[in-house]
Amino acid sequence: MDALLTVTNNRLHVLLAPRRGARTLATLLTARLALGEGVQVLDGGNCFDVHGLARAVRRSSPDLEAMLKRVQVAR
């Protein structure tokens, strides 16, 4: 899990995981990248948890609205 938190911005990150853990990992990865310049999420399985993302971002930053504006989701 610590390796997940060392991702860098301006890179392409692909998350391949069993469906059971993919939702949590995608949420944590997206929240971490949103702290930087922003992130674009391509949700091919239609399982991205936007409410979970809001909770994760709120734990990391007091400015929830600005952080969520940095996230773009395409299904």
PDB file of N, CA and C in Angstrom:
ATOM      1  N   MET A   1       0.823  -1.197   0.000  1.00  0.00           N
ATOM      2  CA  MET A   1       0.000   0.000   0.000  1.00  0.00           C
ATOM      3  C   MET A   1       0.861   1.252   0.000  1.00  0.00           C
ATOM      4  N   ASP A   2       2.044   1.222   0.624  1.00  0.00           N
ATOM      5  CA  ASP A   2       2.904   2.396   0.637  1.00  0.00           C
ATOM      6  C   ASP A   2       3.378   2.751  -0.760  1.00  0.00           C
ATOM      7  N   ALA A   3       3.604   1.753  -1.608  1.00  0.00           N
ATOM      8  CA  ALA A   3       4.034   2.022  -2.974  1.00  0.00           C
ATOM      9  C   ALA A   3       2.962   2.801  -3.726  1.00  0.00           C
ATOM     10  N   LEU A   4       1.735   2.610  -3.370  1.00  0.00           N
ATOM     11  CA  LEU A   4       0.638   3.330  -4.011  1.00  0.00           C
ATOM     12  C   LEU A   4       0.755   4.825  -3.760  1.00  0.00           C
ATOM     13  N   LEU A   5       1.247   5.198  -2.615  1.00  0.00           N
ATOM     14  CA  LEU A   5       1.291   6.597  -2.236  1.00  0.00           C
ATOM     15  C   LEU A   5       2.526   7.322  -2.769  1.00  0.00           C
ATOM     16  N   THR A   6       3.417   6.644  -3.491  1.00  0.00           N
ATOM     17  CA  THR A   6       4.601   7.286  -4.031  1.00  0.00           C
ATOM     18  C   THR A   6       4.464   7.579  -5.526  1.00  0.00           C
ATOM     19  N   VAL A   7       3.258   7.612  -6.029  1.00  0.00           N
ATOM     20  CA  VAL A   7       3.030   7.899  -7.445  1.00  0.00           C
ATOM     21  C   VAL A   7       3.372   9.351  -7.726  1.00  0.00           C
ATOM     22  N   THR A   8       3.650   9.649  -8.986  1.00  0.00           N
ATOM     23  CA  THR A   8       4.005  11.007  -9.372  1.00  0.00           C
ATOM     24  C   THR A   8       3.002  11.545 -10.374  1.00  0.00           C
ATOM     25  N   ASN A   9       2.913  12.847 -10.447  1.00  0.00           N
ATOM     26  CA  ASN A   9       2.035  13.497 -11.419  1.00  0.00           C
ATOM     27  C   ASN A   9       2.686  13.485 -12.787  1.00  0.00           C
ATOM     28  N   ASN A  10       1.903  13.834 -13.809  1.00  0.00           N
ATOM     29  CA  ASN A  10       2.363  13.883 -15.196  1.00  0.00           C
ATOM     30  C   ASN A  10       2.811  12.525 -15.713  1.00  0.00           C
ATOM     31  N   ARG A  11       2.185  11.496 -15.244  1.00  0.00           N
ATOM     32  CA  ARG A  11       2.482  10.133 -15.683  1.00  0.00           C
ATOM     33  C   ARG A  11       1.164   9.417 -15.934  1.00  0.00           C
ATOM     34  N   LEU A  12       1.249   8.343 -16.691  1.00  0.00           N
ATOM     35  CA  LEU A  12       0.097   7.484 -16.897  1.00  0.00           C
ATOM     36  C   LEU A  12       0.183   6.351 -15.887  1.00  0.00           C
ATOM     37  N   HIS A  13      -0.843   6.199 -15.077  1.00  0.00           N
ATOM     38  CA  HIS A  13      -0.896   5.120 -14.096  1.00  0.00           C
ATOM     39  C   HIS A  13      -2.062   4.219 -14.458  1.00  0.00           C
ATOM     40  N   VAL A  14      -1.793   2.943 -14.541  1.00  0.00           N
ATOM     41  CA  VAL A  14      -2.829   1.966 -14.852  1.00  0.00           C
ATOM     42  C   VAL A  14      -3.000   1.084 -13.627  1.00  0.00           C
ATOM     43  N   LEU A  15      -4.235   0.939 -13.199  1.00  0.00           N
ATOM     44  CA  LEU A  15      -4.528   0.104 -12.044  1.00  0.00           C
ATOM     45  C   LEU A  15      -5.255  -1.141 -12.521  1.00  0.00           C
ATOM     46  N   LEU A  16      -4.608  -2.263 -12.390  1.00  0.00           N
ATOM     47  CA  LEU A  16      -5.218  -3.558 -12.695  1.00  0.00           C
ATOM     48  C   LEU A  16      -5.265  -4.331 -11.398  1.00  0.00           C
ATOM     49  N   ALA A  17      -6.442  -4.601 -10.933  1.00  0.00           N
ATOM     50  CA  ALA A  17      -6.599  -5.286  -9.653  1.00  0.00           C
ATOM     51  C   ALA A  17      -7.892  -6.079  -9.679  1.00  0.00           C
ATOM     52  N   PRO A  18      -7.969  -7.096  -8.814  1.00  0.00           N
ATOM     53  CA  PRO A  18      -9.240  -7.816  -8.713  1.00  0.00           C
ATOM     54  C   PRO A  18     -10.348  -6.849  -8.313  1.00  0.00           C
ATOM     55  N   ARG A  19     -11.535  -7.110  -8.794  1.00  0.00           N
ATOM     56  CA  ARG A  19     -12.665  -6.203  -8.541  1.00  0.00           C
ATOM     57  C   ARG A  19     -12.854  -5.922  -7.057  1.00  0.00           C
ATOM     58  N   ARG A  20     -12.555  -6.885  -6.238  1.00  0.00           N
ATOM     59  CA  ARG A  20     -12.757  -6.739  -4.799  1.00  0.00           C
ATOM     60  C   ARG A  20     -11.919  -5.594  -4.219  1.00  0.00           C
ATOM     61  N   GLY A  21     -10.664  -5.458  -4.646  1.00  0.00           N
ATOM     62  CA  GLY A  21      -9.805  -4.424  -4.086  1.00  0.00           C
ATOM     63  C   GLY A  21      -9.632  -3.210  -4.977  1.00  0.00           C
ATOM     64  N   ALA A  22     -10.079  -3.292  -6.215  1.00  0.00           N
ATOM     65  CA  ALA A  22      -9.855  -2.215  -7.171  1.00  0.00           C
ATOM     66  C   ALA A  22     -10.547  -0.924  -6.753  1.00  0.00           C
ATOM     67  N   ARG A  23     -11.702  -1.020  -6.198  1.00  0.00           N
ATOM     68  CA  ARG A  23     -12.459   0.182  -5.826  1.00  0.00           C
ATOM     69  C   ARG A  23     -11.709   1.003  -4.780  1.00  0.00           C
ATOM     70  N   THR A  24     -11.220   0.359  -3.750  1.00  0.00           N
ATOM     71  CA  THR A  24     -10.481   1.056  -2.699  1.00  0.00           C
ATOM     72  C   THR A  24      -9.169   1.604  -3.222  1.00  0.00           C
ATOM     73  N   LEU A  25      -8.445   0.808  -3.989  1.00  0.00           N
ATOM     74  CA  LEU A  25      -7.171   1.255  -4.537  1.00  0.00           C
ATOM     75  C   LEU A  25      -7.350   2.427  -5.492  1.00  0.00           C
ATOM     76  N   ALA A  26      -8.356   2.384  -6.332  1.00  0.00           N
ATOM     77  CA  ALA A  26      -8.610   3.481  -7.266  1.00  0.00           C
ATOM     78  C   ALA A  26      -8.961   4.762  -6.523  1.00  0.00           C
ATOM     79  N   THR A  27      -9.724   4.644  -5.460  1.00  0.00           N
ATOM     80  CA  THR A  27     -10.093   5.815  -4.664  1.00  0.00           C
ATOM     81  C   THR A  27      -8.869   6.445  -4.022  1.00  0.00           C
ATOM     82  N   LEU A  28      -8.006   5.615  -3.423  1.00  0.00           N
ATOM     83  CA  LEU A  28      -6.804   6.135  -2.773  1.00  0.00           C
ATOM     84  C   LEU A  28      -5.837   6.746  -3.784  1.00  0.00           C
ATOM     85  N   LEU A  29      -5.664   6.085  -4.911  1.00  0.00           N
ATOM     86  CA  LEU A  29      -4.778   6.593  -5.951  1.00  0.00           C
ATOM     87  C   LEU A  29      -5.276   7.930  -6.486  1.00  0.00           C
ATOM     88  N   THR A  30      -6.549   8.033  -6.746  1.00  0.00           N
ATOM     89  CA  THR A  30      -7.123   9.270  -7.278  1.00  0.00           C
ATOM     90  C   THR A  30      -7.029  10.407  -6.267  1.00  0.00           C
ATOM     91  N   ALA A  31      -7.298  10.121  -5.011  1.00  0.00           N
ATOM     92  CA  ALA A  31      -7.199  11.152  -3.966  1.00  0.00           C
ATOM     93  C   ALA A  31      -5.771  11.663  -3.872  1.00  0.00           C
ATOM     94  N   ARG A  32      -4.809  10.766  -3.962  1.00  0.00           N
ATOM     95  CA  ARG A  32      -3.401  11.156  -3.885  1.00  0.00           C
ATOM     96  C   ARG A  32      -3.016  12.042  -5.078  1.00  0.00           C
ATOM     97  N   LEU A  33      -3.444  11.665  -6.267  1.00  0.00           N
ATOM     98  CA  LEU A  33      -3.118  12.445  -7.459  1.00  0.00           C
ATOM     99  C   LEU A  33      -3.849  13.782  -7.487  1.00  0.00           C
ATOM    100  N   ALA A  34      -5.023  13.857  -6.877  1.00  0.00           N
ATOM    101  CA  ALA A  34      -5.778  15.111  -6.836  1.00  0.00           C
ATOM    102  C   ALA A  34      -5.079  16.152  -5.967  1.00  0.00           C
ATOM    103  N   LEU A  35      -4.223  15.722  -5.068  1.00  0.00           N
ATOM    104  CA  LEU A  35      -3.461  16.667  -4.258  1.00  0.00           C
ATOM    105  C   LEU A  35      -2.451  17.429  -5.098  1.00  0.00           C
ATOM    106  N   GLY A  36      -2.067  16.846  -6.237  1.00  0.00           N
ATOM    107  CA  GLY A  36      -1.133  17.501  -7.145  1.00  0.00           C
ATOM    108  C   GLY A  36      -1.876  18.385  -8.124  1.00  0.00           C
ATOM    109  N   GLU A  37      -1.524  18.267  -9.388  1.00  0.00           N
ATOM    110  CA  GLU A  37      -2.113  19.132 -10.409  1.00  0.00           C
ATOM    111  C   GLU A  37      -3.479  18.662 -10.880  1.00  0.00           C
ATOM    112  N   GLY A  38      -3.812  17.421 -10.686  1.00  0.00           N
ATOM    113  CA  GLY A  38      -5.095  16.906 -11.118  1.00  0.00           C
ATOM    114  C   GLY A  38      -4.960  15.516 -11.701  1.00  0.00           C
ATOM    115  N   VAL A  39      -6.100  14.923 -12.014  1.00  0.00           N
ATOM    116  CA  VAL A  39      -6.094  13.546 -12.492  1.00  0.00           C
ATOM    117  C   VAL A  39      -7.300  13.318 -13.392  1.00  0.00           C
ATOM    118  N   GLN A  40      -7.115  12.504 -14.411  1.00  0.00           N
ATOM    119  CA  GLN A  40      -8.211  12.067 -15.266  1.00  0.00           C
ATOM    120  C   GLN A  40      -8.383  10.571 -15.045  1.00  0.00           C
ATOM    121  N   VAL A  41      -9.601  10.146 -14.775  1.00  0.00           N
ATOM    122  CA  VAL A  41      -9.901   8.741 -14.489  1.00  0.00           C
ATOM    123  C   VAL A  41     -10.745   8.181 -15.626  1.00  0.00           C
ATOM    124  N   LEU A  42     -10.307   7.091 -16.194  1.00  0.00           N
ATOM    125  CA  LEU A  42     -11.095   6.360 -17.180  1.00  0.00           C
ATOM    126  C   LEU A  42     -11.612   5.113 -16.482  1.00  0.00           C
ATOM    127  N   ASP A  43     -12.896   5.094 -16.214  1.00  0.00           N
ATOM    128  CA  ASP A  43     -13.520   4.012 -15.443  1.00  0.00           C
ATOM    129  C   ASP A  43     -14.181   3.030 -16.399  1.00  0.00           C
ATOM    130  N   GLY A  44     -13.442   2.019 -16.804  1.00  0.00           N
ATOM    131  CA  GLY A  44     -13.966   1.042 -17.747  1.00  0.00           C
ATOM    132  C   GLY A  44     -14.934   0.051 -17.128  1.00  0.00           C
ATOM    133  N   GLY A  45     -14.877  -0.126 -15.837  1.00  0.00           N
ATOM    134  CA  GLY A  45     -15.754  -1.085 -15.172  1.00  0.00           C
ATOM    135  C   GLY A  45     -16.945  -0.459 -14.475  1.00  0.00           C
ATOM    136  N   ASN A  46     -17.080   0.866 -14.586  1.00  0.00           N
ATOM    137  CA  ASN A  46     -18.182   1.596 -13.957  1.00  0.00           C
ATOM    138  C   ASN A  46     -18.285   1.308 -12.459  1.00  0.00           C
ATOM    139  N   CYS A  47     -17.119   1.302 -11.797  1.00  0.00           N
ATOM    140  CA  CYS A  47     -17.127   1.016 -10.361  1.00  0.00           C
ATOM    141  C   CYS A  47     -16.364   2.070  -9.554  1.00  0.00           C
ATOM    142  N   PHE A  48     -16.081   3.217 -10.169  1.00  0.00           N
ATOM    143  CA  PHE A  48     -15.352   4.259  -9.449  1.00  0.00           C
ATOM    144  C   PHE A  48     -16.254   4.876  -8.392  1.00  0.00           C
ATOM    145  N   ASP A  49     -15.741   4.992  -7.173  1.00  0.00           N
ATOM    146  CA  ASP A  49     -16.508   5.449  -6.022  1.00  0.00           C
ATOM    147  C   ASP A  49     -16.271   6.942  -5.777  1.00  0.00           C
ATOM    148  N   VAL A  50     -17.129   7.778  -6.324  1.00  0.00           N
ATOM    149  CA  VAL A  50     -16.969   9.223  -6.185  1.00  0.00           C
ATOM    150  C   VAL A  50     -17.200   9.666  -4.740  1.00  0.00           C
ATOM    151  N   HIS A  51     -18.146   9.070  -4.057  1.00  0.00           N
ATOM    152  CA  HIS A  51     -18.401   9.431  -2.651  1.00  0.00           C
ATOM    153  C   HIS A  51     -17.221   9.033  -1.776  1.00  0.00           C
ATOM    154  N   GLY A  52     -16.632   7.891  -2.046  1.00  0.00           N
ATOM    155  CA  GLY A  52     -15.430   7.471  -1.321  1.00  0.00           C
ATOM    156  C   GLY A  52     -14.267   8.411  -1.591  1.00  0.00           C
ATOM    157  N   LEU A  53     -14.189   8.899  -2.831  1.00  0.00           N
ATOM    158  CA  LEU A  53     -13.145   9.869  -3.179  1.00  0.00           C
ATOM    159  C   LEU A  53     -13.326  11.148  -2.368  1.00  0.00           C
ATOM    160  N   ALA A  54     -14.546  11.627  -2.258  1.00  0.00           N
ATOM    161  CA  ALA A  54     -14.806  12.840  -1.474  1.00  0.00           C
ATOM    162  C   ALA A  54     -14.385  12.652  -0.019  1.00  0.00           C
ATOM    163  N   ARG A  55     -14.655  11.487   0.542  1.00  0.00           N
ATOM    164  CA  ARG A  55     -14.238  11.215   1.924  1.00  0.00           C
ATOM    165  C   ARG A  55     -12.714  11.168   2.041  1.00  0.00           C
ATOM    166  N   ALA A  56     -12.046  10.533   1.094  1.00  0.00           N
ATOM    167  CA  ALA A  56     -10.584  10.429   1.132  1.00  0.00           C
ATOM    168  C   ALA A  56      -9.929  11.792   0.971  1.00  0.00           C
ATOM    169  N   VAL A  57     -10.464  12.608   0.068  1.00  0.00           N
ATOM    170  CA  VAL A  57      -9.910  13.947  -0.152  1.00  0.00           C
ATOM    171  C   VAL A  57     -10.135  14.821   1.073  1.00  0.00           C
ATOM    172  N   ARG A  58     -11.279  14.694   1.683  1.00  0.00           N
ATOM    173  CA  ARG A  58     -11.585  15.506   2.872  1.00  0.00           C
ATOM    174  C   ARG A  58     -10.608  15.214   4.013  1.00  0.00           C
ATOM    175  N   ARG A  59     -10.146  13.967   4.102  1.00  0.00           N
ATOM    176  CA  ARG A  59      -9.152  13.620   5.131  1.00  0.00           C
ATOM    177  C   ARG A  59      -7.796  14.246   4.826  1.00  0.00           C
ATOM    178  N   SER A  60      -7.534  14.555   3.558  1.00  0.00           N
ATOM    179  CA  SER A  60      -6.218  15.058   3.151  1.00  0.00           C
ATOM    180  C   SER A  60      -6.154  16.570   3.002  1.00  0.00           C
ATOM    181  N   SER A  61      -7.276  17.210   2.757  1.00  0.00           N
ATOM    182  CA  SER A  61      -7.272  18.646   2.472  1.00  0.00           C
ATOM    183  C   SER A  61      -8.559  19.290   2.978  1.00  0.00           C
ATOM    184  N   PRO A  62      -8.451  20.490   3.521  1.00  0.00           N
ATOM    185  CA  PRO A  62      -9.665  21.176   3.983  1.00  0.00           C
ATOM    186  C   PRO A  62     -10.481  21.772   2.831  1.00  0.00           C
ATOM    187  N   ASP A  63      -9.877  21.948   1.655  1.00  0.00           N
ATOM    188  CA  ASP A  63     -10.557  22.577   0.521  1.00  0.00           C
ATOM    189  C   ASP A  63     -11.108  21.495  -0.416  1.00  0.00           C
ATOM    190  N   LEU A  64     -12.188  20.871  -0.019  1.00  0.00           N
ATOM    191  CA  LEU A  64     -12.766  19.743  -0.744  1.00  0.00           C
ATOM    192  C   LEU A  64     -13.174  20.113  -2.165  1.00  0.00           C
ATOM    193  N   GLU A  65     -13.855  21.229  -2.323  1.00  0.00           N
ATOM    194  CA  GLU A  65     -14.371  21.605  -3.641  1.00  0.00           C
ATOM    195  C   GLU A  65     -13.248  21.818  -4.659  1.00  0.00           C
ATOM    196  N   ALA A  66     -12.197  22.503  -4.253  1.00  0.00           N
ATOM    197  CA  ALA A  66     -11.077  22.747  -5.167  1.00  0.00           C
ATOM    198  C   ALA A  66     -10.388  21.442  -5.555  1.00  0.00           C
ATOM    199  N   MET A  67     -10.260  20.543  -4.620  1.00  0.00           N
ATOM    200  CA  MET A  67      -9.609  19.254  -4.894  1.00  0.00           C
ATOM    201  C   MET A  67     -10.452  18.416  -5.855  1.00  0.00           C
ATOM    202  N   LEU A  68     -11.755  18.394  -5.661  1.00  0.00           N
ATOM    203  CA  LEU A  68     -12.611  17.591  -6.526  1.00  0.00           C
ATOM    204  C   LEU A  68     -12.704  18.167  -7.938  1.00  0.00           C
ATOM    205  N   LYS A  69     -12.484  19.467  -8.086  1.00  0.00           N
ATOM    206  CA  LYS A  69     -12.471  20.065  -9.416  1.00  0.00           C
ATOM    207  C   LYS A  69     -11.272  19.588 -10.228  1.00  0.00           C
ATOM    208  N   ARG A  70     -10.261  19.083  -9.561  1.00  0.00           N
ATOM    209  CA  ARG A  70      -9.059  18.576 -10.236  1.00  0.00           C
ATOM    210  C   ARG A  70      -9.243  17.154 -10.763  1.00  0.00           C
ATOM    211  N   VAL A  71     -10.371  16.543 -10.476  1.00  0.00           N
ATOM    212  CA  VAL A  71     -10.617  15.151 -10.882  1.00  0.00           C
ATOM    213  C   VAL A  71     -11.647  15.136 -12.010  1.00  0.00           C
ATOM    214  N   GLN A  72     -11.293  14.493 -13.109  1.00  0.00           N
ATOM    215  CA  GLN A  72     -12.221  14.315 -14.223  1.00  0.00           C
ATOM    216  C   GLN A  72     -12.429  12.815 -14.404  1.00  0.00           C
ATOM    217  N   VAL A  73     -13.690  12.386 -14.456  1.00  0.00           N
ATOM    218  CA  VAL A  73     -14.015  10.972 -14.600  1.00  0.00           C
ATOM    219  C   VAL A  73     -14.753  10.753 -15.910  1.00  0.00           C
ATOM    220  N   ALA A  74     -14.290   9.775 -16.672  1.00  0.00           N
ATOM    221  CA  ALA A  74     -14.966   9.379 -17.904  1.00  0.00           C
ATOM    222  C   ALA A  74     -15.320   7.906 -17.772  1.00  0.00           C
ATOM    223  N   ARG A  75     -16.550   7.574 -18.139  1.00  0.00           N
ATOM    224  CA  ARG A  75     -16.988   6.182 -18.046  1.00  0.00           C
ATOM    225  C   ARG A  75     -17.154   5.587 -19.414  1.00  0.00           C
TER     226      ARG A  75
END
